[in-house]
């Protein structure tokens, strides 16, 4: 699996487009990549350490794909309500 810094955002984008059913065209641009958090050295690729939150007994009940799909549907509903549209 490719773990270069640009890969994770592209995987997240792909998950979001798959979950929403929308098509997004990505056009790479020249320039610096993202914002590096202050607690990491530039260029270091680190995974989120889930051990602390799991030690507190928390565990995800919804997959990322399901969560994005539900959020996308909710956003669309809110936009329709704001515009005065209704489903039906």
C-alpha atoms as a PDB file:
ATOM      1  CA  UNK A   1       0.000   0.000   0.000  1.00  0.00           C
ATOM      2  CA  UNK A   2       1.276   3.447  -0.879  1.00  0.00           C
ATOM      3  CA  UNK A   3       1.691   5.575   2.246  1.00  0.00           C
ATOM      4  CA  UNK A   4       3.085   8.716   0.627  1.00  0.00           C
ATOM      5  CA  UNK A   5       1.569  11.917   2.074  1.00  0.00           C
ATOM      6  CA  UNK A   6      -0.714  12.507  -0.925  1.00  0.00           C
ATOM      7  CA  UNK A   7      -2.235   9.031  -0.850  1.00  0.00           C
ATOM      8  CA  UNK A   8      -4.386   9.316   2.279  1.00  0.00           C
ATOM      9  CA  UNK A   9      -6.321  12.407   1.152  1.00  0.00           C
ATOM     10  CA  UNK A  10      -6.948  10.757  -2.217  1.00  0.00           C
ATOM     11  CA  UNK A  11      -8.226   7.592  -0.508  1.00  0.00           C
ATOM     12  CA  UNK A  12     -10.498   9.725   1.682  1.00  0.00           C
ATOM     13  CA  UNK A  13     -11.731  11.597  -1.387  1.00  0.00           C
ATOM     14  CA  UNK A  14     -12.429   8.292  -3.141  1.00  0.00           C
ATOM     15  CA  UNK A  15     -14.348   7.015  -0.100  1.00  0.00           C
ATOM     16  CA  UNK A  16     -16.390  10.237  -0.017  1.00  0.00           C
ATOM     17  CA  UNK A  17     -17.228  10.098  -3.720  1.00  0.00           C
ATOM     18  CA  UNK A  18     -18.140   6.405  -3.504  1.00  0.00           C
ATOM     19  CA  UNK A  19     -20.365   6.996  -0.478  1.00  0.00           C
ATOM     20  CA  UNK A  20     -22.108  10.042  -1.938  1.00  0.00           C
ATOM     21  CA  UNK A  21     -22.562   8.630  -5.420  1.00  0.00           C
ATOM     22  CA  UNK A  22     -21.187  11.842  -6.852  1.00  0.00           C
ATOM     23  CA  UNK A  23     -18.437  12.154  -9.416  1.00  0.00           C
ATOM     24  CA  UNK A  24     -15.548  14.481  -8.658  1.00  0.00           C
ATOM     25  CA  UNK A  25     -12.704  15.235 -11.026  1.00  0.00           C
ATOM     26  CA  UNK A  26      -9.372  15.854  -9.308  1.00  0.00           C
ATOM     27  CA  UNK A  27      -6.848  18.108 -10.953  1.00  0.00           C
ATOM     28  CA  UNK A  28      -3.453  18.013  -9.232  1.00  0.00           C
ATOM     29  CA  UNK A  29      -1.786  21.398  -8.812  1.00  0.00           C
ATOM     30  CA  UNK A  30       1.799  22.382  -8.137  1.00  0.00           C
ATOM     31  CA  UNK A  31       2.603  23.627  -4.674  1.00  0.00           C
ATOM     32  CA  UNK A  32       3.190  22.570  -1.094  1.00  0.00           C
ATOM     33  CA  UNK A  33       1.200  19.658   0.250  1.00  0.00           C
ATOM     34  CA  UNK A  34      -1.280  20.491   2.970  1.00  0.00           C
ATOM     35  CA  UNK A  35      -0.519  21.759   6.414  1.00  0.00           C
ATOM     36  CA  UNK A  36       1.841  19.884   8.686  1.00  0.00           C
ATOM     37  CA  UNK A  37       0.782  19.767  12.328  1.00  0.00           C
ATOM     38  CA  UNK A  38       3.226  21.426  14.720  1.00  0.00           C
ATOM     39  CA  UNK A  39       3.793  18.251  16.711  1.00  0.00           C
ATOM     40  CA  UNK A  40       5.103  16.347  13.693  1.00  0.00           C
ATOM     41  CA  UNK A  41       8.256  16.904  11.760  1.00  0.00           C
ATOM     42  CA  UNK A  42       7.672  17.851   8.136  1.00  0.00           C
ATOM     43  CA  UNK A  43       7.343  14.797   5.950  1.00  0.00           C
ATOM     44  CA  UNK A  44       6.737  12.291   8.721  1.00  0.00           C
ATOM     45  CA  UNK A  45       3.816  10.027   7.976  1.00  0.00           C
ATOM     46  CA  UNK A  46       2.199   8.863  11.201  1.00  0.00           C
ATOM     47  CA  UNK A  47      -0.967   6.901  11.778  1.00  0.00           C
ATOM     48  CA  UNK A  48      -3.508   7.944  14.332  1.00  0.00           C
ATOM     49  CA  UNK A  49      -2.871   6.121  17.578  1.00  0.00           C
ATOM     50  CA  UNK A  50      -6.255   4.688  18.515  1.00  0.00           C
ATOM     51  CA  UNK A  51      -5.044   3.017  21.696  1.00  0.00           C
ATOM     52  CA  UNK A  52      -6.028   5.896  24.032  1.00  0.00           C
ATOM     53  CA  UNK A  53      -9.608   6.196  22.851  1.00  0.00           C
ATOM     54  CA  UNK A  54     -10.018   2.410  22.752  1.00  0.00           C
ATOM     55  CA  UNK A  55      -8.622   2.173  26.290  1.00  0.00           C
ATOM     56  CA  UNK A  56     -11.578   4.340  27.335  1.00  0.00           C
ATOM     57  CA  UNK A  57     -13.961   1.791  25.833  1.00  0.00           C
ATOM     58  CA  UNK A  58     -14.880   3.660  22.662  1.00  0.00           C
ATOM     59  CA  UNK A  59     -15.286   1.768  19.420  1.00  0.00           C
ATOM     60  CA  UNK A  60     -16.707   2.972  16.117  1.00  0.00           C
ATOM     61  CA  UNK A  61     -20.190   1.670  15.354  1.00  0.00           C
ATOM     62  CA  UNK A  62     -20.360   3.164  11.857  1.00  0.00           C
ATOM     63  CA  UNK A  63     -17.850   2.676   9.061  1.00  0.00           C
ATOM     64  CA  UNK A  64     -16.280   5.710   7.420  1.00  0.00           C
ATOM     65  CA  UNK A  65     -18.159   4.927   4.192  1.00  0.00           C
ATOM     66  CA  UNK A  66     -21.519   4.675   6.010  1.00  0.00           C
ATOM     67  CA  UNK A  67     -20.848   7.844   7.985  1.00  0.00           C
ATOM     68  CA  UNK A  68     -19.949   9.849   4.893  1.00  0.00           C
ATOM     69  CA  UNK A  69     -23.026   8.547   3.049  1.00  0.00           C
ATOM     70  CA  UNK A  70     -25.315   9.490   5.952  1.00  0.00           C
ATOM     71  CA  UNK A  71     -23.690  12.912   6.302  1.00  0.00           C
ATOM     72  CA  UNK A  72     -23.986  13.577   2.565  1.00  0.00           C
ATOM     73  CA  UNK A  73     -27.692  12.668   2.637  1.00  0.00           C
ATOM     74  CA  UNK A  74     -28.228  14.920   5.666  1.00  0.00           C
ATOM     75  CA  UNK A  75     -26.446  17.850   3.976  1.00  0.00           C
ATOM     76  CA  UNK A  76     -28.551  17.440   0.833  1.00  0.00           C
ATOM     77  CA  UNK A  77     -31.709  17.396   2.967  1.00  0.00           C
ATOM     78  CA  UNK A  78     -30.633  20.561   4.803  1.00  0.00           C
ATOM     79  CA  UNK A  79     -29.933  22.334   1.497  1.00  0.00           C
ATOM     80  CA  UNK A  80     -33.386  21.329   0.196  1.00  0.00           C
ATOM     81  CA  UNK A  81     -35.050  22.586   3.383  1.00  0.00           C
ATOM     82  CA  UNK A  82     -33.135  25.882   3.175  1.00  0.00           C
ATOM     83  CA  UNK A  83     -34.248  26.318  -0.428  1.00  0.00           C
ATOM     84  CA  UNK A  84     -37.841  25.439   0.436  1.00  0.00           C
ATOM     85  CA  UNK A  85     -37.792  22.169  -1.492  1.00  0.00           C
ATOM     86  CA  UNK A  86     -39.250  18.945  -0.198  1.00  0.00           C
ATOM     87  CA  UNK A  87     -38.738  15.360  -1.248  1.00  0.00           C
ATOM     88  CA  UNK A  88     -41.709  13.530  -2.570  1.00  0.00           C
END
